[in-house]
Amino acid sequence: MTAQLAASPSNLELVASERESDSRYRALVFDCELLHGKLTCRGLELGGLRCDLTYRPAEAIAKLETRSYDLILLDMRYSRADQVKVAAAAFAHRGQAKIMAVVNPRAGEVVKTLLSYGVDEIVDDCDDASALGVKALSLLEMNGWKWQTQAGPPTIAKDSPETRIEKIERLLLPKTPDVLRRIGDPFEPVSMPSSLREAIGRCAERARITRS
């Protein structure tokens, strides 16, 4: 990951600084190599995270014991004793935090151990900065996406018959004069028997009384 991350650090810093003010999540990055850790933080900041970086195991453990984080990213590429201690502290003090681990692609046993302890994401060391930021943000917002999917679309209340009638009247009444000019008024006495006209009038009156 170092080679790809170091390809354009100035561009990463520019974009990350623009997004830092919009950061909603806080991440702790523990990386044994300071430069590598800085570039890793730039990738996370591209994804909208605010980073605390440390390369000292004791400092990382102290932060884990005293602060709350949304994401903890662990450098487990070499599986040294100090890295294992930080990882143990991370799992012990994680709270609701998600844990990502950067590993050597050939470290099969390390991956198995991390998975058994409940790591949320294993990251290959060759991943680039932007991919790392996307993975981190996806991991943090996955629960929200699942909730939205399970909730489904909002329930839309069905209109009552009265409401539907009112909508029909509102849409049709403005057009009535134009229609009558074209086809003539069907309720004119000449074109309708008086008994039918009176029956329609009584029905209309009852409808108005019912709705009022």
Protein backbone atom coordinates (compact mmCIF):
# COMPACT_ATOMS: atom_id res chain seq x y z
CA MET A 1 0.00 0.00 0.00
CA THR A 2 2.93 2.37 0.66
CA ALA A 3 3.92 2.70 -2.99
CA GLN A 4 0.42 3.46 -4.20
CA LEU A 5 -0.41 5.76 -1.34
CA ALA A 6 2.78 7.75 -1.78
CA ALA A 7 2.16 8.33 -5.47
CA SER A 8 0.44 11.69 -5.00
CA PRO A 9 0.38 12.76 -1.31
CA SER A 10 -0.09 16.44 -2.15
CA ASN A 11 -3.32 15.73 -4.01
CA LEU A 12 -4.56 13.58 -1.14
CA GLU A 13 -3.81 16.34 1.37
CA LEU A 14 -5.68 18.91 -0.71
CA VAL A 15 -8.87 16.87 -1.08
CA ALA A 16 -8.74 15.57 2.49
CA SER A 17 -8.41 19.06 3.95
CA GLU A 18 -11.52 20.15 2.06
CA ARG A 19 -13.54 17.32 3.59
CA GLU A 20 -12.14 17.42 7.10
CA SER A 21 -14.69 19.99 8.26
CA ASP A 22 -17.51 17.67 7.16
CA SER A 23 -16.16 14.64 9.06
CA ARG A 24 -18.82 12.78 11.00
CA TYR A 25 -16.69 9.89 12.21
CA ARG A 26 -13.54 9.70 14.31
CA ALA A 27 -10.87 7.09 13.66
CA LEU A 28 -7.76 5.94 15.50
CA VAL A 29 -4.99 4.84 13.16
CA PHE A 30 -2.16 2.83 14.66
CA ASP A 31 0.68 2.37 12.16
CA CYS A 32 4.25 1.44 12.99
CA GLU A 33 5.53 3.55 10.09
CA LEU A 34 4.68 7.22 10.53
CA LEU A 35 4.74 8.17 6.83
CA HIS A 36 2.63 5.17 5.93
CA GLY A 37 0.20 6.11 8.69
CA LYS A 38 -0.10 9.71 7.47
CA LEU A 39 -0.96 8.56 3.99
CA THR A 40 -3.44 6.07 5.41
CA CYS A 41 -5.11 8.93 7.29
CA ARG A 42 -5.36 10.91 4.07
CA GLY A 43 -7.24 8.01 2.54
CA LEU A 44 -9.64 7.86 5.47
CA GLU A 45 -10.16 11.62 5.38
CA LEU A 46 -11.11 11.29 1.73
CA GLY A 47 -13.92 9.05 2.96
CA GLY A 48 -15.08 11.64 5.50
CA LEU A 49 -13.32 10.52 8.68
CA ARG A 50 -11.35 12.54 11.22
CA CYS A 51 -8.14 10.75 12.24
CA ASP A 52 -5.98 10.42 15.33
CA LEU A 53 -2.65 8.92 14.21
CA THR A 54 -0.01 7.26 16.37
CA TYR A 55 2.91 4.97 15.68
CA ARG A 56 3.75 4.40 19.36
CA PRO A 57 2.07 1.31 20.89
CA ALA A 58 1.84 2.83 24.39
CA GLU A 59 0.18 5.98 23.03
CA ALA A 60 -2.26 3.92 20.99
CA ILE A 61 -3.27 1.90 24.05
CA ALA A 62 -3.70 5.06 26.13
CA LYS A 63 -5.98 6.58 23.48
CA LEU A 64 -8.03 3.40 23.32
CA GLU A 65 -8.49 3.43 27.07
CA THR A 66 -9.53 7.08 27.34
CA ARG A 67 -11.30 8.00 24.10
CA SER A 68 -14.21 6.74 22.01
CA TYR A 69 -13.81 6.08 18.30
CA ASP A 70 -16.07 5.07 15.45
CA LEU A 71 -13.26 3.22 13.66
CA ILE A 72 -9.98 1.66 14.78
CA LEU A 73 -7.44 0.82 12.08
CA LEU A 74 -4.60 -1.47 13.13
CA ASP A 75 -1.30 -2.09 11.40
CA MET A 76 -0.85 -5.87 11.64
CA ARG A 77 1.51 -6.33 8.68
CA TYR A 78 4.42 -7.66 10.74
CA SER A 79 2.63 -9.28 13.71
CA ARG A 80 5.15 -8.01 16.21
CA ALA A 81 4.52 -8.25 19.94
CA ASP A 82 3.75 -4.53 20.26
CA GLN A 83 1.22 -4.71 17.43
CA VAL A 84 -0.48 -7.65 19.13
CA LYS A 85 -0.73 -5.67 22.38
CA VAL A 86 -2.40 -2.76 20.60
CA ALA A 87 -4.80 -5.14 18.87
CA ALA A 88 -5.71 -6.73 22.21
CA ALA A 89 -6.42 -3.28 23.68
CA ALA A 90 -8.50 -2.37 20.65
CA PHE A 91 -10.76 -5.39 21.05
CA ALA A 92 -11.00 -4.81 24.80
CA HIS A 93 -11.94 -1.12 24.57
CA ARG A 94 -13.69 -0.94 21.20
CA GLY A 95 -17.16 -0.13 22.51
CA GLN A 96 -19.25 0.37 19.36
CA ALA A 97 -16.23 0.98 17.14
CA LYS A 98 -15.57 -0.93 13.94
CA ILE A 99 -12.11 -2.47 13.65
CA MET A 100 -10.13 -2.70 10.42
CA ALA A 101 -6.76 -4.45 10.20
CA VAL A 102 -4.09 -3.96 7.55
CA VAL A 103 -2.35 -7.30 7.00
CA ASN A 104 0.24 -8.92 4.81
CA PRO A 105 -1.54 -10.86 2.04
CA ARG A 106 0.35 -14.01 3.07
CA ALA A 107 -0.49 -13.76 6.78
CA GLY A 108 -3.14 -16.47 6.86
CA GLU A 109 -2.84 -17.29 10.55
CA VAL A 110 -3.02 -13.62 11.54
CA VAL A 111 -6.23 -13.23 9.53
CA LYS A 112 -7.77 -16.26 11.22
CA THR A 113 -6.89 -14.91 14.66
CA LEU A 114 -8.30 -11.46 13.90
CA LEU A 115 -11.51 -12.96 12.56
CA SER A 116 -11.90 -15.09 15.68
CA TYR A 117 -11.66 -11.94 17.83
CA GLY A 118 -14.33 -10.17 15.78
CA VAL A 119 -12.45 -7.88 13.39
CA ASP A 120 -14.89 -6.16 11.03
CA GLU A 121 -12.68 -5.74 7.95
CA ILE A 122 -9.38 -7.17 6.71
CA VAL A 123 -7.50 -4.82 4.41
CA ASP A 124 -4.80 -6.00 2.03
CA ASP A 125 -1.59 -3.98 2.28
CA CYS A 126 -1.72 -3.20 -1.44
CA ASP A 127 -5.01 -1.25 -1.25
CA ASP A 128 -4.75 2.40 -2.29
CA ALA A 129 -5.82 5.41 -0.25
CA SER A 130 -9.14 6.14 -1.93
CA ALA A 131 -10.21 2.48 -1.71
CA LEU A 132 -9.36 2.48 1.98
CA GLY A 133 -11.55 5.53 2.59
CA VAL A 134 -14.47 4.00 0.71
CA LYS A 135 -14.18 0.74 2.64
CA ALA A 136 -14.08 2.56 5.96
CA LEU A 137 -17.11 4.72 5.19
CA SER A 138 -19.07 1.72 3.90
CA LEU A 139 -18.27 -0.20 7.05
CA LEU A 140 -19.46 2.62 9.29
CA GLU A 141 -22.68 3.29 7.41
CA MET A 142 -23.63 -0.30 6.67
CA ASN A 143 -26.04 -0.53 9.62
CA GLY A 144 -27.89 2.56 8.40
CA TRP A 145 -28.23 1.08 4.93
CA LYS A 146 -29.54 -2.18 6.36
CA TRP A 147 -32.08 -0.31 8.49
CA GLN A 148 -33.35 1.64 5.48
CA THR A 149 -33.64 -1.59 3.47
CA GLN A 150 -35.53 -3.38 6.23
CA ALA A 151 -37.81 -0.43 6.90
CA GLY A 152 -38.92 -0.35 3.30
CA PRO A 153 -40.77 2.54 1.67
CA PRO A 154 -42.97 4.73 3.85
CA THR A 155 -46.59 3.78 4.14
CA ILE A 156 -48.87 6.08 2.18
CA ALA A 157 -52.35 6.41 3.60
CA LYS A 158 -55.15 5.72 1.15
CA ASP A 159 -57.48 8.56 0.37
CA SER A 160 -60.99 8.32 1.70
CA PRO A 161 -63.84 8.23 -0.86
CA GLU A 162 -64.71 11.83 0.04
CA THR A 163 -61.15 12.97 -0.63
CA ARG A 164 -61.10 11.23 -3.99
CA ILE A 165 -64.37 12.88 -4.95
CA GLU A 166 -63.03 16.27 -4.01
CA LYS A 167 -59.93 15.68 -6.11
CA ILE A 168 -62.04 14.67 -9.10
CA GLU A 169 -64.23 17.73 -8.74
CA ARG A 170 -61.23 20.02 -8.43
CA LEU A 171 -59.74 18.61 -11.62
CA LEU A 172 -62.92 18.44 -13.68
CA LEU A 173 -64.89 21.55 -12.69
CA PRO A 174 -62.51 24.05 -14.31
CA LYS A 175 -62.89 22.14 -17.57
CA THR A 176 -66.69 21.98 -17.48
CA PRO A 177 -67.40 25.19 -19.45
CA ASP A 178 -65.18 24.07 -22.33
CA VAL A 179 -66.81 20.65 -22.43
CA LEU A 180 -70.31 22.12 -22.38
CA ARG A 181 -69.49 24.46 -25.25
CA ARG A 182 -68.44 21.47 -27.34
CA ILE A 183 -71.18 18.95 -26.54
CA GLY A 184 -73.95 21.10 -25.10
CA ASP A 185 -75.39 20.95 -21.59
CA PRO A 186 -76.86 17.43 -21.03
CA PHE A 187 -78.96 18.84 -18.16
CA GLU A 188 -80.90 21.29 -20.33
CA PRO A 189 -84.68 20.72 -20.14
CA VAL A 190 -84.88 20.16 -23.88
CA SER A 191 -82.54 17.17 -23.81
CA MET A 192 -83.69 15.55 -20.53
CA PRO A 193 -87.04 14.44 -19.11
CA SER A 194 -88.12 16.52 -16.14
CA SER A 195 -88.49 13.44 -13.88
CA LEU A 196 -84.88 12.43 -14.51
CA ARG A 197 -83.69 15.99 -13.96
CA GLU A 198 -85.54 16.15 -10.63
CA ALA A 199 -84.11 12.78 -9.52
CA ILE A 200 -80.58 13.95 -10.30
CA GLY A 201 -81.21 17.15 -8.35
CA ARG A 202 -82.38 15.21 -5.30
CA CYS A 203 -79.30 12.94 -5.43
CA ALA A 204 -76.99 15.92 -5.69
CA GLU A 205 -78.68 17.60 -2.72
CA ARG A 206 -78.36 14.45 -0.57
CA ALA A 207 -74.66 14.19 -1.50
CA ARG A 208 -74.05 17.78 -0.42
CA ILE A 209 -75.83 17.22 2.88
CA THR A 210 -73.85 14.02 3.55
CA ARG A 211 -70.52 15.68 2.89
CA SER A 212 -71.25 18.86 4.87
